[in-house]
Amino acid sequence: MTAFFNALGDLFTNVLFLPFSFLAEIELDNWWIANVMTWLFAAIGMAAFTYWMGQLRQYDQNGEEDKSISAHAYL
């Protein structure tokens, strides 16, 4: 069982994180390239936020929401 976990640790350390190791090494040469994953995740987050706000706007424009004072049980 120990060999399995050692192999799993080796897989993540030496194979799957290799691109991130490359980005860490290139950081001193070019900051923009080193942070490409950050920009990618930020762009995905902004796209998801924009989509979600569009969906909420459509729901609000349909008038389906109960906005009365007693709409929720805790009120």
Protein backbone atom coordinates (compact mmCIF):
# COMPACT_ATOMS: atom_id res chain seq x y z
CA MET A 1 0.00 0.00 0.00
CA THR A 2 2.90 2.35 0.70
CA ALA A 3 4.21 1.82 -2.82
CA PHE A 4 0.87 2.95 -4.24
CA PHE A 5 0.95 6.24 -2.35
CA ASN A 6 4.61 6.77 -3.23
CA ALA A 7 3.78 6.19 -6.90
CA LEU A 8 0.85 8.58 -6.64
CA GLY A 9 3.07 11.24 -5.07
CA ASP A 10 5.69 10.69 -7.75
CA LEU A 11 3.06 11.03 -10.48
CA PHE A 12 1.86 14.38 -9.18
CA THR A 13 5.32 15.74 -8.37
CA ASN A 14 7.21 14.69 -11.48
CA VAL A 15 4.55 14.48 -14.19
CA LEU A 16 1.35 16.42 -13.56
CA PHE A 17 2.97 19.49 -11.95
CA LEU A 18 5.72 19.75 -14.58
CA PRO A 19 4.02 22.63 -16.44
CA PHE A 20 3.69 24.56 -13.20
CA SER A 21 7.35 23.97 -12.40
CA PHE A 22 8.20 25.40 -15.82
CA LEU A 23 6.07 28.46 -15.12
CA ALA A 24 7.80 28.95 -11.76
CA GLU A 25 11.23 28.81 -13.44
CA ILE A 26 10.30 31.30 -16.15
CA GLU A 27 8.91 33.81 -13.65
CA LEU A 28 12.09 35.90 -13.45
CA ASP A 29 12.32 36.19 -17.23
CA ASN A 30 8.74 37.08 -18.13
CA TRP A 31 6.10 37.80 -15.53
CA TRP A 32 3.20 37.74 -18.03
CA ILE A 33 3.98 34.25 -19.30
CA ALA A 34 4.57 32.98 -15.76
CA ASN A 35 1.08 34.09 -14.75
CA VAL A 36 -0.74 32.64 -17.74
CA MET A 37 -2.69 30.21 -15.53
CA THR A 38 -3.82 33.08 -13.32
CA TRP A 39 -5.06 35.01 -16.35
CA LEU A 40 -6.78 31.91 -17.69
CA PHE A 41 -8.64 31.24 -14.45
CA ALA A 42 -9.53 34.93 -14.11
CA ALA A 43 -10.98 34.94 -17.64
CA ILE A 44 -12.99 31.78 -16.93
CA GLY A 45 -14.28 33.31 -13.69
CA MET A 46 -15.28 36.54 -15.42
CA ALA A 47 -17.07 34.63 -18.18
CA ALA A 48 -18.93 32.51 -15.62
CA PHE A 49 -19.87 35.62 -13.63
CA THR A 50 -21.17 37.36 -16.76
CA TYR A 51 -23.21 34.29 -17.73
CA TRP A 52 -24.64 33.96 -14.22
CA MET A 53 -25.62 37.64 -14.08
CA GLY A 54 -27.32 37.28 -17.47
CA GLN A 55 -29.30 34.31 -16.22
CA LEU A 56 -30.34 36.20 -13.07
CA ARG A 57 -31.39 39.18 -15.19
CA GLN A 58 -33.57 36.96 -17.40
CA TYR A 59 -35.16 35.39 -14.33
CA ASP A 60 -35.82 38.83 -12.84
CA GLN A 61 -37.35 40.14 -16.08
CA ASN A 62 -39.75 37.18 -16.27
CA GLY A 63 -41.32 38.30 -13.00
CA GLU A 64 -41.40 34.76 -11.57
CA GLU A 65 -39.96 35.68 -8.19
CA ASP A 66 -42.28 36.18 -5.23
CA LYS A 67 -41.13 39.52 -3.78
CA SER A 68 -43.80 39.81 -1.11
CA ILE A 69 -42.81 40.35 2.51
CA SER A 70 -43.92 36.84 3.49
CA ALA A 71 -42.15 35.11 0.60
CA HIS A 72 -39.76 33.32 2.98
CA ALA A 73 -40.69 31.35 6.05
CA TYR A 74 -38.07 33.03 8.26
CA LEU A 75 -39.66 36.44 7.64
